[in-house]
Amino acid sequence: SFETPPGQAYGPAMFPTIMGSGLIVCAVMIALRPVPPPFEEPDAPGGKWAALAYALTPVIVLLLFETVGWPLLCAPLVAGLAWLAGARPLPAVVTGLGMAAFTWVVFAMVLRVPLPRGPLPFLPY
């Protein structure tokens, strides 16, 4: 229901459309490939703690999205998940900060999707 910003050919529906199209293409590619022989899969990086963190991430986002705000929620969440997946601490933090900045610019500033700022009211829209 978000309006397309004046002067722009693409609006907030662009990203979900691209993601949905990509998921459909991936599903078709997976469905059409031959079935590989069974093999024992290695443990995921981070083990059970990482699996628990990934499972709880949507709950954390739903509970804290409005109060904490997107940038302050995204950065540590992405950094923590990257670290649990095996990234070193500094690249994980840089990735978290970069993802928070990138998503803020794309969604809030370019597509004009109102993301919550939390305690950072000075962030531009």
C-alpha atoms as a PDB file:
ATOM      1  CA  SER A   1       0.000   0.000   0.000  1.00  0.00           C
ATOM      2  CA  PHE A   2       3.064   2.297  -0.034  1.00  0.00           C
ATOM      3  CA  GLU A   3       3.019   4.885  -2.782  1.00  0.00           C
ATOM      4  CA  THR A   4       5.760   4.976  -5.417  1.00  0.00           C
ATOM      5  CA  PRO A   5       7.879   8.075  -4.687  1.00  0.00           C
ATOM      6  CA  PRO A   6       7.387  10.868  -7.231  1.00  0.00           C
ATOM      7  CA  GLY A   7       9.957  10.794 -10.009  1.00  0.00           C
ATOM      8  CA  GLN A   8      10.894   7.149  -9.440  1.00  0.00           C
ATOM      9  CA  ALA A   9       9.925   4.296 -11.722  1.00  0.00           C
ATOM     10  CA  TYR A  10      10.166   1.685  -8.943  1.00  0.00           C
ATOM     11  CA  GLY A  11       8.525   1.692  -5.562  1.00  0.00           C
ATOM     12  CA  PRO A  12       8.510  -0.397  -2.384  1.00  0.00           C
ATOM     13  CA  ALA A  13       7.038  -3.408  -4.210  1.00  0.00           C
ATOM     14  CA  MET A  14      10.225  -3.813  -6.260  1.00  0.00           C
ATOM     15  CA  PHE A  15      12.278  -5.670  -3.619  1.00  0.00           C
ATOM     16  CA  PRO A  16       9.636  -8.279  -2.680  1.00  0.00           C
ATOM     17  CA  THR A  17       8.965  -8.877  -6.380  1.00  0.00           C
ATOM     18  CA  ILE A  18      12.663  -9.470  -7.098  1.00  0.00           C
ATOM     19  CA  MET A  19      13.045 -11.724  -4.047  1.00  0.00           C
ATOM     20  CA  GLY A  20       9.915 -13.713  -4.911  1.00  0.00           C
ATOM     21  CA  SER A  21      11.019 -14.155  -8.516  1.00  0.00           C
ATOM     22  CA  GLY A  22      14.447 -15.319  -7.371  1.00  0.00           C
ATOM     23  CA  LEU A  23      12.917 -17.816  -4.945  1.00  0.00           C
ATOM     24  CA  ILE A  24      10.683 -19.214  -7.697  1.00  0.00           C
ATOM     25  CA  VAL A  25      13.682 -19.615 -10.032  1.00  0.00           C
ATOM     26  CA  CYS A  26      15.654 -21.372  -7.255  1.00  0.00           C
ATOM     27  CA  ALA A  27      12.724 -23.692  -6.493  1.00  0.00           C
ATOM     28  CA  VAL A  28      12.406 -24.666 -10.160  1.00  0.00           C
ATOM     29  CA  MET A  29      16.162 -25.287 -10.409  1.00  0.00           C
ATOM     30  CA  ILE A  30      16.095 -27.480  -7.299  1.00  0.00           C
ATOM     31  CA  ALA A  31      13.042 -29.387  -8.529  1.00  0.00           C
ATOM     32  CA  LEU A  32      14.630 -30.104 -11.916  1.00  0.00           C
ATOM     33  CA  ARG A  33      18.047 -31.287 -10.773  1.00  0.00           C
ATOM     34  CA  PRO A  34      18.779 -34.994 -10.393  1.00  0.00           C
ATOM     35  CA  VAL A  35      18.568 -36.515  -6.942  1.00  0.00           C
ATOM     36  CA  PRO A  36      22.106 -36.835  -5.532  1.00  0.00           C
ATOM     37  CA  PRO A  37      23.207 -39.999  -3.750  1.00  0.00           C
ATOM     38  CA  PRO A  38      22.768 -39.834   0.030  1.00  0.00           C
ATOM     39  CA  PHE A  39      25.732 -38.761   2.120  1.00  0.00           C
ATOM     40  CA  GLU A  40      26.341 -37.741   5.687  1.00  0.00           C
ATOM     41  CA  GLU A  41      26.084 -34.004   6.055  1.00  0.00           C
ATOM     42  CA  PRO A  42      28.617 -32.219   8.243  1.00  0.00           C
ATOM     43  CA  ASP A  43      27.515 -30.332  11.306  1.00  0.00           C
ATOM     44  CA  ALA A  44      26.511 -26.739  10.660  1.00  0.00           C
ATOM     45  CA  PRO A  45      28.933 -24.007  11.791  1.00  0.00           C
ATOM     46  CA  GLY A  46      28.145 -22.986  15.331  1.00  0.00           C
ATOM     47  CA  GLY A  47      26.295 -26.192  16.133  1.00  0.00           C
ATOM     48  CA  LYS A  48      23.155 -26.209  18.231  1.00  0.00           C
ATOM     49  CA  TRP A  49      23.639 -22.656  19.560  1.00  0.00           C
ATOM     50  CA  ALA A  50      23.716 -21.251  16.046  1.00  0.00           C
ATOM     51  CA  ALA A  51      20.624 -23.241  15.104  1.00  0.00           C
ATOM     52  CA  LEU A  52      18.810 -21.914  18.163  1.00  0.00           C
ATOM     53  CA  ALA A  53      19.888 -18.335  17.404  1.00  0.00           C
ATOM     54  CA  TYR A  54      18.714 -18.594  13.801  1.00  0.00           C
ATOM     55  CA  ALA A  55      15.390 -20.051  14.935  1.00  0.00           C
ATOM     56  CA  LEU A  56      14.850 -17.271  17.494  1.00  0.00           C
ATOM     57  CA  THR A  57      15.877 -14.420  15.193  1.00  0.00           C
ATOM     58  CA  PRO A  58      12.357 -13.783  13.816  1.00  0.00           C
ATOM     59  CA  VAL A  59      10.982 -13.672  17.362  1.00  0.00           C
ATOM     60  CA  ILE A  60      13.678 -11.200  18.419  1.00  0.00           C
ATOM     61  CA  VAL A  61      12.939  -9.003  15.408  1.00  0.00           C
ATOM     62  CA  LEU A  62       9.183  -9.047  16.084  1.00  0.00           C
ATOM     63  CA  LEU A  63       9.653  -8.158  19.748  1.00  0.00           C
ATOM     64  CA  LEU A  64      12.269  -5.419  19.352  1.00  0.00           C
ATOM     65  CA  PHE A  65      11.644  -3.936  15.880  1.00  0.00           C
ATOM     66  CA  GLU A  66       9.553  -0.944  16.963  1.00  0.00           C
ATOM     67  CA  THR A  67      11.256  -0.106  20.254  1.00  0.00           C
ATOM     68  CA  VAL A  68      14.920  -0.604  19.356  1.00  0.00           C
ATOM     69  CA  GLY A  69      14.625   0.543  15.751  1.00  0.00           C
ATOM     70  CA  TRP A  70      15.969  -1.076  12.604  1.00  0.00           C
ATOM     71  CA  PRO A  71      19.608   0.107  12.607  1.00  0.00           C
ATOM     72  CA  LEU A  72      20.263  -0.770  16.252  1.00  0.00           C
ATOM     73  CA  LEU A  73      18.551  -4.141  15.818  1.00  0.00           C
ATOM     74  CA  CYS A  74      20.026  -5.113  12.461  1.00  0.00           C
ATOM     75  CA  ALA A  75      23.707  -4.424  13.143  1.00  0.00           C
ATOM     76  CA  PRO A  76      24.211  -6.611  16.242  1.00  0.00           C
ATOM     77  CA  LEU A  77      21.812  -9.271  14.985  1.00  0.00           C
ATOM     78  CA  VAL A  78      23.641  -9.727  11.672  1.00  0.00           C
ATOM     79  CA  ALA A  79      27.035  -9.520  13.387  1.00  0.00           C
ATOM     80  CA  GLY A  80      26.051 -12.122  15.964  1.00  0.00           C
ATOM     81  CA  LEU A  81      24.628 -14.517  13.385  1.00  0.00           C
ATOM     82  CA  ALA A  82      27.695 -14.114  11.167  1.00  0.00           C
ATOM     83  CA  TRP A  83      29.952 -14.817  14.151  1.00  0.00           C
ATOM     84  CA  LEU A  84      27.924 -17.908  15.070  1.00  0.00           C
ATOM     85  CA  ALA A  85      28.197 -19.082  11.460  1.00  0.00           C
ATOM     86  CA  GLY A  86      31.975 -18.999  11.686  1.00  0.00           C
ATOM     87  CA  ALA A  87      33.024 -15.466  10.746  1.00  0.00           C
ATOM     88  CA  ARG A  88      35.812 -13.820  12.724  1.00  0.00           C
ATOM     89  CA  PRO A  89      34.663 -11.049  15.100  1.00  0.00           C
ATOM     90  CA  LEU A  90      35.900  -8.004  13.148  1.00  0.00           C
ATOM     91  CA  PRO A  91      34.460  -9.073   9.762  1.00  0.00           C
ATOM     92  CA  ALA A  92      31.224 -10.016  11.534  1.00  0.00           C
ATOM     93  CA  VAL A  93      30.911  -6.542  13.074  1.00  0.00           C
ATOM     94  CA  VAL A  94      31.764  -4.836   9.783  1.00  0.00           C
ATOM     95  CA  THR A  95      29.170  -6.988   8.013  1.00  0.00           C
ATOM     96  CA  GLY A  96      26.530  -6.119  10.610  1.00  0.00           C
ATOM     97  CA  LEU A  97      27.195  -2.387  10.369  1.00  0.00           C
ATOM     98  CA  GLY A  98      27.313  -2.534   6.578  1.00  0.00           C
ATOM     99  CA  MET A  99      24.044  -4.440   6.369  1.00  0.00           C
ATOM    100  CA  ALA A 100      22.299  -2.006   8.708  1.00  0.00           C
ATOM    101  CA  ALA A 101      23.520   0.979   6.677  1.00  0.00           C
ATOM    102  CA  PHE A 102      22.756  -0.645   3.318  1.00  0.00           C
ATOM    103  CA  THR A 103      19.220  -1.692   4.243  1.00  0.00           C
ATOM    104  CA  TRP A 104      18.505   1.732   5.768  1.00  0.00           C
ATOM    105  CA  VAL A 105      19.607   3.513   2.592  1.00  0.00           C
ATOM    106  CA  VAL A 106      17.721   1.173   0.261  1.00  0.00           C
ATOM    107  CA  PHE A 107      14.475   0.855   2.182  1.00  0.00           C
ATOM    108  CA  ALA A 108      14.111   4.064   4.192  1.00  0.00           C
ATOM    109  CA  MET A 109      15.810   6.567   1.909  1.00  0.00           C
ATOM    110  CA  VAL A 110      15.348   5.223  -1.626  1.00  0.00           C
ATOM    111  CA  LEU A 111      12.093   3.252  -1.424  1.00  0.00           C
ATOM    112  CA  ARG A 112      10.606   5.398   1.373  1.00  0.00           C
ATOM    113  CA  VAL A 113       9.550   2.415   3.480  1.00  0.00           C
ATOM    114  CA  PRO A 114       9.097   3.751   7.017  1.00  0.00           C
ATOM    115  CA  LEU A 115      11.503   1.754   9.165  1.00  0.00           C
ATOM    116  CA  PRO A 116      11.535   2.535  12.885  1.00  0.00           C
ATOM    117  CA  ARG A 117      14.471   4.689  13.984  1.00  0.00           C
ATOM    118  CA  GLY A 118      14.355   3.744  17.647  1.00  0.00           C
ATOM    119  CA  PRO A 119      16.471   6.120  19.746  1.00  0.00           C
ATOM    120  CA  LEU A 120      18.145   7.549  16.612  1.00  0.00           C
ATOM    121  CA  PRO A 121      15.674  10.269  15.524  1.00  0.00           C
ATOM    122  CA  PHE A 122      18.352  12.100  13.526  1.00  0.00           C
ATOM    123  CA  LEU A 123      18.510   9.393  10.818  1.00  0.00           C
ATOM    124  CA  PRO A 124      17.323  10.712   7.447  1.00  0.00           C
ATOM    125  CA  TYR A 125      14.388   9.316   5.510  1.00  0.00           C
END
